[in-house]
Amino acid sequence: VETDVHATRDGVAVAFHDDTLDRVSD
């Protein structure tokens, strides 16, 4: 599988493409 990775302010790596939550989440 393919995924992108960003990290939260407190250093948790998340499998997520965008740098913001806005496009695909609530």
PDB file of all heavy atoms in Angstrom:
ATOM      1  N   VAL A   1       0.860  -1.184   0.000  1.00  0.00           N
ATOM      2  CA  VAL A   1       0.000   0.000   0.000  1.00  0.00           C
ATOM      3  C   VAL A   1       0.896   1.235   0.000  1.00  0.00           C
ATOM      4  O   VAL A   1       2.084   1.172   0.350  1.00  0.00           O
ATOM      5  CB  VAL A   1      -0.955   0.044   1.221  1.00  0.00           C
ATOM      6  CG1 VAL A   1      -1.913  -1.128   1.202  1.00  0.00           C
ATOM      7  CG2 VAL A   1      -0.176   0.114   2.531  1.00  0.00           C
ATOM      8  N   GLU A   2       0.308   2.352  -0.392  1.00  0.00           N
ATOM      9  CA  GLU A   2       1.015   3.634  -0.397  1.00  0.00           C
ATOM     10  C   GLU A   2       0.333   4.566   0.586  1.00  0.00           C
ATOM     11  O   GLU A   2      -0.887   4.551   0.728  1.00  0.00           O
ATOM     12  CB  GLU A   2       0.990   4.237  -1.810  1.00  0.00           C
ATOM     13  CG  GLU A   2       1.787   5.526  -1.979  1.00  0.00           C
ATOM     14  CD  GLU A   2       1.019   6.789  -1.629  1.00  0.00           C
ATOM     15  OE1 GLU A   2      -0.220   6.708  -1.440  1.00  0.00           O
ATOM     16  OE2 GLU A   2       1.648   7.866  -1.532  1.00  0.00           O
ATOM     17  N   THR A   3       1.131   5.367   1.269  1.00  0.00           N
ATOM     18  CA  THR A   3       0.572   6.390   2.134  1.00  0.00           C
ATOM     19  C   THR A   3       1.527   7.584   2.196  1.00  0.00           C
ATOM     20  O   THR A   3       2.696   7.482   1.823  1.00  0.00           O
ATOM     21  CB  THR A   3       0.318   5.871   3.564  1.00  0.00           C
ATOM     22  OG1 THR A   3      -0.416   6.858   4.309  1.00  0.00           O
ATOM     23  CG2 THR A   3       1.621   5.587   4.299  1.00  0.00           C
ATOM     24  N   ASP A   4       1.010   8.698   2.648  1.00  0.00           N
ATOM     25  CA  ASP A   4       1.813   9.874   2.947  1.00  0.00           C
ATOM     26  C   ASP A   4       1.923   9.982   4.460  1.00  0.00           C
ATOM     27  O   ASP A   4       1.132   9.382   5.192  1.00  0.00           O
ATOM     28  CB  ASP A   4       1.140  11.127   2.387  1.00  0.00           C
ATOM     29  CG  ASP A   4       0.730  10.941   0.937  1.00  0.00           C
ATOM     30  OD1 ASP A   4       1.575  11.155   0.059  1.00  0.00           O
ATOM     31  OD2 ASP A   4      -0.438  10.566   0.700  1.00  0.00           O
ATOM     32  N   VAL A   5       2.890  10.756   4.921  1.00  0.00           N
ATOM     33  CA  VAL A   5       3.019  10.918   6.366  1.00  0.00           C
ATOM     34  C   VAL A   5       3.254  12.381   6.709  1.00  0.00           C
ATOM     35  O   VAL A   5       4.052  13.076   6.080  1.00  0.00           O
ATOM     36  CB  VAL A   5       4.139  10.027   6.939  1.00  0.00           C
ATOM     37  CG1 VAL A   5       5.501  10.426   6.401  1.00  0.00           C
ATOM     38  CG2 VAL A   5       4.141  10.053   8.455  1.00  0.00           C
ATOM     39  N   HIS A   6       2.484  12.844   7.695  1.00  0.00           N
ATOM     40  CA  HIS A   6       2.693  14.126   8.367  1.00  0.00           C
ATOM     41  C   HIS A   6       2.887  13.833   9.847  1.00  0.00           C
ATOM     42  O   HIS A   6       2.763  12.675  10.294  1.00  0.00           O
ATOM     43  CB  HIS A   6       1.496  15.052   8.161  1.00  0.00           C
ATOM     44  CG  HIS A   6       1.435  15.681   6.807  1.00  0.00           C
ATOM     45  ND1 HIS A   6       2.155  16.794   6.464  1.00  0.00           N
ATOM     46  CD2 HIS A   6       0.717  15.352   5.698  1.00  0.00           C
ATOM     47  CE1 HIS A   6       1.922  17.127   5.210  1.00  0.00           C
ATOM     48  NE2 HIS A   6       1.038  16.271   4.719  1.00  0.00           N
ATOM     49  N   ALA A   7       3.161  14.858  10.618  1.00  0.00           N
ATOM     50  CA  ALA A   7       3.315  14.680  12.065  1.00  0.00           C
ATOM     51  C   ALA A   7       2.599  15.791  12.805  1.00  0.00           C
ATOM     52  O   ALA A   7       2.567  16.944  12.368  1.00  0.00           O
ATOM     53  CB  ALA A   7       4.792  14.664  12.453  1.00  0.00           C
ATOM     54  N   THR A   8       2.015  15.421  13.925  1.00  0.00           N
ATOM     55  CA  THR A   8       1.317  16.384  14.766  1.00  0.00           C
ATOM     56  C   THR A   8       2.322  17.263  15.524  1.00  0.00           C
ATOM     57  O   THR A   8       3.528  17.005  15.511  1.00  0.00           O
ATOM     58  CB  THR A   8       0.425  15.662  15.781  1.00  0.00           C
ATOM     59  OG1 THR A   8       1.260  14.875  16.651  1.00  0.00           O
ATOM     60  CG2 THR A   8      -0.578  14.761  15.090  1.00  0.00           C
ATOM     61  N   ARG A   9       1.805  18.268  16.183  1.00  0.00           N
ATOM     62  CA  ARG A   9       2.662  19.197  16.928  1.00  0.00           C
ATOM     63  C   ARG A   9       3.488  18.465  17.982  1.00  0.00           C
ATOM     64  O   ARG A   9       4.645  18.816  18.242  1.00  0.00           O
ATOM     65  CB  ARG A   9       1.788  20.265  17.589  1.00  0.00           C
ATOM     66  CG  ARG A   9       2.569  21.362  18.288  1.00  0.00           C
ATOM     67  CD  ARG A   9       1.614  22.389  18.868  1.00  0.00           C
ATOM     68  NE  ARG A   9       0.866  21.852  20.012  1.00  0.00           N
ATOM     69  CZ  ARG A   9      -0.276  22.369  20.483  1.00  0.00           C
ATOM     70  NH1 ARG A   9      -0.813  23.427  19.872  1.00  0.00           N
ATOM     71  NH2 ARG A   9      -0.877  21.825  21.521  1.00  0.00           N
ATOM     72  N   ASP A  10       2.877  17.415  18.580  1.00  0.00           N
ATOM     73  CA  ASP A  10       3.572  16.674  19.626  1.00  0.00           C
ATOM     74  C   ASP A  10       4.263  15.418  19.104  1.00  0.00           C
ATOM     75  O   ASP A  10       4.583  14.502  19.864  1.00  0.00           O
ATOM     76  CB  ASP A  10       2.622  16.341  20.786  1.00  0.00           C
ATOM     77  CG  ASP A  10       1.278  15.806  20.328  1.00  0.00           C
ATOM     78  OD1 ASP A  10       1.011  15.803  19.114  1.00  0.00           O
ATOM     79  OD2 ASP A  10       0.491  15.382  21.190  1.00  0.00           O
ATOM     80  N   GLY A  11       4.498  15.350  17.770  1.00  0.00           N
ATOM     81  CA  GLY A  11       5.389  14.341  17.222  1.00  0.00           C
ATOM     82  C   GLY A  11       4.789  12.986  16.945  1.00  0.00           C
ATOM     83  O   GLY A  11       5.509  11.987  16.931  1.00  0.00           O
ATOM     84  N   VAL A  12       3.492  12.922  16.674  1.00  0.00           N
ATOM     85  CA  VAL A  12       2.869  11.660  16.288  1.00  0.00           C
ATOM     86  C   VAL A  12       2.784  11.600  14.763  1.00  0.00           C
ATOM     87  O   VAL A  12       2.191  12.487  14.127  1.00  0.00           O
ATOM     88  CB  VAL A  12       1.461  11.519  16.902  1.00  0.00           C
ATOM     89  CG1 VAL A  12       0.782  10.242  16.412  1.00  0.00           C
ATOM     90  CG2 VAL A  12       1.551  11.524  18.423  1.00  0.00           C
ATOM     91  N   ALA A  13       3.374  10.576  14.162  1.00  0.00           N
ATOM     92  CA  ALA A  13       3.322  10.400  12.710  1.00  0.00           C
ATOM     93  C   ALA A  13       1.960   9.855  12.318  1.00  0.00           C
ATOM     94  O   ALA A  13       1.492   8.858  12.874  1.00  0.00           O
ATOM     95  CB  ALA A  13       4.420   9.446  12.256  1.00  0.00           C
ATOM     96  N   VAL A  14       1.313  10.520  11.348  1.00  0.00           N
ATOM     97  CA  VAL A  14      -0.007  10.095  10.904  1.00  0.00           C
ATOM     98  C   VAL A  14       0.018   9.795   9.409  1.00  0.00           C
ATOM     99  O   VAL A  14       0.732  10.450   8.643  1.00  0.00           O
ATOM    100  CB  VAL A  14      -1.089  11.162  11.210  1.00  0.00           C
ATOM    101  CG1 VAL A  14      -1.280  11.301  12.706  1.00  0.00           C
ATOM    102  CG2 VAL A  14      -0.744  12.508  10.594  1.00  0.00           C
ATOM    103  N   ALA A  15      -0.739   8.775   9.026  1.00  0.00           N
ATOM    104  CA  ALA A  15      -0.866   8.396   7.614  1.00  0.00           C
ATOM    105  C   ALA A  15      -1.927   9.294   6.991  1.00  0.00           C
ATOM    106  O   ALA A  15      -3.120   9.013   7.065  1.00  0.00           O
ATOM    107  CB  ALA A  15      -1.250   6.916   7.494  1.00  0.00           C
ATOM    108  N   PHE A  16      -1.482  10.373   6.364  1.00  0.00           N
ATOM    109  CA  PHE A  16      -2.411  11.397   5.883  1.00  0.00           C
ATOM    110  C   PHE A  16      -1.722  12.169   4.777  1.00  0.00           C
ATOM    111  O   PHE A  16      -0.524  12.459   4.862  1.00  0.00           O
ATOM    112  CB  PHE A  16      -2.779  12.338   7.042  1.00  0.00           C
ATOM    113  CG  PHE A  16      -4.079  13.049   6.890  1.00  0.00           C
ATOM    114  CD1 PHE A  16      -5.271  12.403   7.126  1.00  0.00           C
ATOM    115  CD2 PHE A  16      -4.113  14.391   6.524  1.00  0.00           C
ATOM    116  CE1 PHE A  16      -6.489  13.072   7.002  1.00  0.00           C
ATOM    117  CE2 PHE A  16      -5.313  15.071   6.405  1.00  0.00           C
ATOM    118  CZ  PHE A  16      -6.513  14.409   6.637  1.00  0.00           C
ATOM    119  N   HIS A  17      -2.461  12.534   3.728  1.00  0.00           N
ATOM    120  CA  HIS A  17      -1.846  13.192   2.581  1.00  0.00           C
ATOM    121  C   HIS A  17      -1.693  14.693   2.773  1.00  0.00           C
ATOM    122  O   HIS A  17      -0.617  15.262   2.571  1.00  0.00           O
ATOM    123  CB  HIS A  17      -2.664  12.931   1.318  1.00  0.00           C
ATOM    124  CG  HIS A  17      -2.177  13.700   0.127  1.00  0.00           C
ATOM    125  ND1 HIS A  17      -2.647  14.958  -0.208  1.00  0.00           N
ATOM    126  CD2 HIS A  17      -1.246  13.396  -0.794  1.00  0.00           C
ATOM    127  CE1 HIS A  17      -2.019  15.392  -1.282  1.00  0.00           C
ATOM    128  NE2 HIS A  17      -1.161  14.471  -1.664  1.00  0.00           N
ATOM    129  N   ASP A  18      -2.762  15.385   3.126  1.00  0.00           N
ATOM    130  CA  ASP A  18      -2.760  16.844   3.168  1.00  0.00           C
ATOM    131  C   ASP A  18      -2.037  17.359   4.407  1.00  0.00           C
ATOM    132  O   ASP A  18      -1.929  16.661   5.420  1.00  0.00           O
ATOM    133  CB  ASP A  18      -4.188  17.377   3.181  1.00  0.00           C
ATOM    134  CG  ASP A  18      -4.965  17.016   1.920  1.00  0.00           C
ATOM    135  OD1 ASP A  18      -4.402  16.328   1.045  1.00  0.00           O
ATOM    136  OD2 ASP A  18      -6.141  17.424   1.836  1.00  0.00           O
ATOM    137  N   ASP A  19      -1.594  18.610   4.334  1.00  0.00           N
ATOM    138  CA  ASP A  19      -0.996  19.197   5.529  1.00  0.00           C
ATOM    139  C   ASP A  19      -2.052  19.755   6.478  1.00  0.00           C
ATOM    140  O   ASP A  19      -1.738  20.109   7.616  1.00  0.00           O
ATOM    141  CB  ASP A  19       0.027  20.278   5.170  1.00  0.00           C
ATOM    142  CG  ASP A  19      -0.572  21.434   4.386  1.00  0.00           C
ATOM    143  OD1 ASP A  19      -1.755  21.369   3.985  1.00  0.00           O
ATOM    144  OD2 ASP A  19       0.151  22.426   4.159  1.00  0.00           O
ATOM    145  N   THR A  20      -3.304  19.818   6.013  1.00  0.00           N
ATOM    146  CA  THR A  20      -4.407  20.234   6.885  1.00  0.00           C
ATOM    147  C   THR A  20      -5.476  19.148   6.905  1.00  0.00           C
ATOM    148  O   THR A  20      -5.550  18.301   6.013  1.00  0.00           O
ATOM    149  CB  THR A  20      -5.057  21.547   6.413  1.00  0.00           C
ATOM    150  OG1 THR A  20      -5.837  21.297   5.231  1.00  0.00           O
ATOM    151  CG2 THR A  20      -4.006  22.611   6.127  1.00  0.00           C
ATOM    152  N   LEU A  21      -6.333  19.229   7.919  1.00  0.00           N
ATOM    153  CA  LEU A  21      -7.434  18.269   8.035  1.00  0.00           C
ATOM    154  C   LEU A  21      -8.624  18.631   7.158  1.00  0.00           C
ATOM    155  O   LEU A  21      -9.524  17.808   6.943  1.00  0.00           O
ATOM    156  CB  LEU A  21      -7.913  18.212   9.494  1.00  0.00           C
ATOM    157  CG  LEU A  21      -6.933  17.656  10.528  1.00  0.00           C
ATOM    158  CD1 LEU A  21      -7.488  17.892  11.926  1.00  0.00           C
ATOM    159  CD2 LEU A  21      -6.694  16.171  10.289  1.00  0.00           C
ATOM    160  N   ASP A  22      -8.643  19.846   6.623  1.00  0.00           N
ATOM    161  CA  ASP A  22      -9.865  20.432   6.084  1.00  0.00           C
ATOM    162  C   ASP A  22     -10.483  19.681   4.904  1.00  0.00           C
ATOM    163  O   ASP A  22     -11.715  19.536   4.846  1.00  0.00           O
ATOM    164  CB  ASP A  22      -9.596  21.881   5.660  1.00  0.00           C
ATOM    165  CG  ASP A  22      -9.102  22.744   6.817  1.00  0.00           C
ATOM    166  OD1 ASP A  22      -8.052  22.402   7.407  1.00  0.00           O
ATOM    167  OD2 ASP A  22      -9.747  23.748   7.134  1.00  0.00           O
ATOM    168  N   ARG A  23      -9.683  19.216   3.946  1.00  0.00           N
ATOM    169  CA  ARG A  23     -10.252  18.692   2.695  1.00  0.00           C
ATOM    170  C   ARG A  23     -11.018  17.391   2.895  1.00  0.00           C
ATOM    171  O   ARG A  23     -12.114  17.218   2.343  1.00  0.00           O
ATOM    172  CB  ARG A  23      -9.152  18.481   1.651  1.00  0.00           C
ATOM    173  CG  ARG A  23      -9.679  17.897   0.317  1.00  0.00           C
ATOM    174  CD  ARG A  23      -8.566  17.723  -0.702  1.00  0.00           C
ATOM    175  NE  ARG A  23      -7.598  16.719  -0.295  1.00  0.00           N
ATOM    176  CZ  ARG A  23      -7.702  15.423  -0.597  1.00  0.00           C
ATOM    177  NH1 ARG A  23      -8.745  14.970  -1.268  1.00  0.00           N
ATOM    178  NH2 ARG A  23      -6.771  14.571  -0.195  1.00  0.00           N
ATOM    179  N   VAL A  24     -10.483  16.466   3.657  1.00  0.00           N
ATOM    180  CA  VAL A  24     -11.081  15.132   3.685  1.00  0.00           C
ATOM    181  C   VAL A  24     -11.706  14.762   5.025  1.00  0.00           C
ATOM    182  O   VAL A  24     -12.282  13.679   5.142  1.00  0.00           O
ATOM    183  CB  VAL A  24     -10.044  14.044   3.297  1.00  0.00           C
ATOM    184  CG1 VAL A  24      -9.526  14.273   1.896  1.00  0.00           C
ATOM    185  CG2 VAL A  24      -8.901  13.977   4.294  1.00  0.00           C
ATOM    186  N   SER A  25     -11.607  15.640   6.020  1.00  0.00           N
ATOM    187  CA  SER A  25     -12.157  15.273   7.323  1.00  0.00           C
ATOM    188  C   SER A  25     -13.088  16.366   7.842  1.00  0.00           C
ATOM    189  O   SER A  25     -13.201  17.448   7.262  1.00  0.00           O
ATOM    190  CB  SER A  25     -11.027  15.032   8.333  1.00  0.00           C
ATOM    191  OG  SER A  25     -10.617  16.236   8.947  1.00  0.00           O
ATOM    192  N   ASP A  26     -13.706  16.076   8.967  1.00  0.00           N
ATOM    193  CA  ASP A  26     -14.566  17.081   9.595  1.00  0.00           C
ATOM    194  C   ASP A  26     -13.791  17.975  10.556  1.00  0.00           C
ATOM    195  O   ASP A  26     -14.373  18.826  11.237  1.00  0.00           O
ATOM    196  CB  ASP A  26     -15.736  16.409  10.332  1.00  0.00           C
ATOM    197  CG  ASP A  26     -15.285  15.385  11.371  1.00  0.00           C
ATOM    198  OD1 ASP A  26     -14.061  15.315  11.657  1.00  0.00           O
ATOM    199  OD2 ASP A  26     -16.138  14.651  11.897  1.00  0.00           O
TER     200      ASP A  26
END
